Amino acid sequence: MLLKIIISLIVIIAIAVGALALLLPRDQIVHLIVFRDFFDVSLPILAFGALLKYLMSCSKKSCCMQKTEKTSCSMK
């Protein structure tokens, strides 16, 4: 539920910033460039972190095979 709220909030912010880019006069659009500069720097770092997390994560099937017989693995 929390994830749906966060995603909805991000979509609403993206639509609002896009609408402001269309409606604001040229001299006030400079304030929106700060968003672009922030994402130009942060997105590659986040993408690299997500790639590392994906490559180092253990899939459920392989983790279940490594567990001992005493513990059960539920694959949902």
C-alpha atoms as a PDB file:
ATOM      1  CA  MET A   1       0.000   0.000   0.000  1.00  0.00           C
ATOM      2  CA  LEU A   2       2.819   2.370   0.879  1.00  0.00           C
ATOM      3  CA  LEU A   3       4.525   1.638  -2.431  1.00  0.00           C
ATOM      4  CA  LYS A   4       1.358   2.599  -4.348  1.00  0.00           C
ATOM      5  CA  ILE A   5       1.191   5.895  -2.467  1.00  0.00           C
ATOM      6  CA  ILE A   6       4.839   6.689  -3.208  1.00  0.00           C
ATOM      7  CA  ILE A   7       4.441   5.837  -6.900  1.00  0.00           C
ATOM      8  CA  SER A   8       1.285   7.955  -7.134  1.00  0.00           C
ATOM      9  CA  LEU A   9       3.070  10.867  -5.473  1.00  0.00           C
ATOM     10  CA  ILE A  10       5.991  10.636  -7.897  1.00  0.00           C
ATOM     11  CA  VAL A  11       3.645  10.564 -10.899  1.00  0.00           C
ATOM     12  CA  ILE A  12       1.726  13.601  -9.608  1.00  0.00           C
ATOM     13  CA  ILE A  13       4.969  15.520  -9.047  1.00  0.00           C
ATOM     14  CA  ALA A  14       6.183  14.626 -12.548  1.00  0.00           C
ATOM     15  CA  ILE A  15       2.922  15.834 -14.105  1.00  0.00           C
ATOM     16  CA  ALA A  16       3.015  19.047 -12.068  1.00  0.00           C
ATOM     17  CA  VAL A  17       6.613  19.829 -13.054  1.00  0.00           C
ATOM     18  CA  GLY A  18       5.806  19.091 -16.703  1.00  0.00           C
ATOM     19  CA  ALA A  19       2.799  21.380 -16.579  1.00  0.00           C
ATOM     20  CA  LEU A  20       4.855  24.122 -14.948  1.00  0.00           C
ATOM     21  CA  ALA A  21       7.460  23.809 -17.697  1.00  0.00           C
ATOM     22  CA  LEU A  22       4.722  24.486 -20.247  1.00  0.00           C
ATOM     23  CA  LEU A  23       2.942  27.265 -18.373  1.00  0.00           C
ATOM     24  CA  LEU A  24       5.732  29.303 -16.769  1.00  0.00           C
ATOM     25  CA  PRO A  25       7.393  32.183 -18.587  1.00  0.00           C
ATOM     26  CA  ARG A  26      10.906  31.546 -19.916  1.00  0.00           C
ATOM     27  CA  ASP A  27      12.649  33.478 -17.131  1.00  0.00           C
ATOM     28  CA  GLN A  28      11.001  31.372 -14.389  1.00  0.00           C
ATOM     29  CA  ILE A  29      11.767  28.009 -16.012  1.00  0.00           C
ATOM     30  CA  VAL A  30      15.334  28.410 -14.762  1.00  0.00           C
ATOM     31  CA  HIS A  31      14.100  27.265 -11.348  1.00  0.00           C
ATOM     32  CA  LEU A  32      13.020  23.929 -12.859  1.00  0.00           C
ATOM     33  CA  ILE A  33      16.505  23.292 -14.220  1.00  0.00           C
ATOM     34  CA  VAL A  34      17.615  22.502 -10.673  1.00  0.00           C
ATOM     35  CA  PHE A  35      15.516  19.308 -10.870  1.00  0.00           C
ATOM     36  CA  ARG A  36      17.226  18.319 -14.115  1.00  0.00           C
ATOM     37  CA  ASP A  37      20.702  18.888 -12.709  1.00  0.00           C
ATOM     38  CA  PHE A  38      19.873  16.867  -9.602  1.00  0.00           C
ATOM     39  CA  PHE A  39      18.639  13.890 -11.612  1.00  0.00           C
ATOM     40  CA  ASP A  40      21.514  14.095 -14.100  1.00  0.00           C
ATOM     41  CA  VAL A  41      23.869  13.440 -11.210  1.00  0.00           C
ATOM     42  CA  SER A  42      21.834  11.068  -9.037  1.00  0.00           C
ATOM     43  CA  LEU A  43      20.279   8.685 -11.584  1.00  0.00           C
ATOM     44  CA  PRO A  44      23.515   7.049 -12.774  1.00  0.00           C
ATOM     45  CA  ILE A  45      24.574   6.492  -9.164  1.00  0.00           C
ATOM     46  CA  LEU A  46      21.202   4.965  -8.279  1.00  0.00           C
ATOM     47  CA  ALA A  47      21.270   2.783 -11.397  1.00  0.00           C
ATOM     48  CA  PHE A  48      24.739   1.473 -10.539  1.00  0.00           C
ATOM     49  CA  GLY A  49      23.612   0.720  -6.974  1.00  0.00           C
ATOM     50  CA  ALA A  50      20.539  -1.116  -8.253  1.00  0.00           C
ATOM     51  CA  LEU A  51      22.702  -3.151 -10.641  1.00  0.00           C
ATOM     52  CA  LEU A  52      25.058  -4.137  -7.813  1.00  0.00           C
ATOM     53  CA  LYS A  53      22.116  -5.091  -5.595  1.00  0.00           C
ATOM     54  CA  TYR A  54      20.639  -7.224  -8.385  1.00  0.00           C
ATOM     55  CA  LEU A  55      23.927  -8.968  -9.121  1.00  0.00           C
ATOM     56  CA  MET A  56      24.678  -9.692  -5.471  1.00  0.00           C
ATOM     57  CA  SER A  57      21.188 -10.804  -4.478  1.00  0.00           C
ATOM     58  CA  CYS A  58      20.335 -14.435  -4.037  1.00  0.00           C
ATOM     59  CA  SER A  59      17.428 -15.814  -6.000  1.00  0.00           C
ATOM     60  CA  LYS A  60      14.851 -17.663  -3.919  1.00  0.00           C
ATOM     61  CA  LYS A  61      15.392 -20.978  -5.659  1.00  0.00           C
ATOM     62  CA  SER A  62      19.155 -21.099  -5.123  1.00  0.00           C
ATOM     63  CA  CYS A  63      18.840 -19.919  -1.520  1.00  0.00           C
ATOM     64  CA  CYS A  64      16.271 -22.611  -0.786  1.00  0.00           C
ATOM     65  CA  MET A  65      18.561 -25.311  -2.139  1.00  0.00           C
ATOM     66  CA  GLN A  66      21.364 -24.223   0.180  1.00  0.00           C
ATOM     67  CA  LYS A  67      19.243 -24.373   3.339  1.00  0.00           C
ATOM     68  CA  THR A  68      19.412 -27.367   5.601  1.00  0.00           C
ATOM     69  CA  GLU A  69      16.593 -29.883   5.875  1.00  0.00           C
ATOM     70  CA  LYS A  70      15.674 -28.538   9.316  1.00  0.00           C
ATOM     71  CA  THR A  71      14.503 -25.211   7.950  1.00  0.00           C
ATOM     72  CA  SER A  72      11.731 -24.930   5.441  1.00  0.00           C
ATOM     73  CA  CYS A  73      11.730 -22.543   2.545  1.00  0.00           C
ATOM     74  CA  SER A  74       8.409 -21.114   1.421  1.00  0.00           C
ATOM     75  CA  MET A  75       8.399 -20.001  -2.197  1.00  0.00           C
ATOM     76  CA  LYS A  76       5.462 -17.643  -2.593  1.00  0.00           C
END
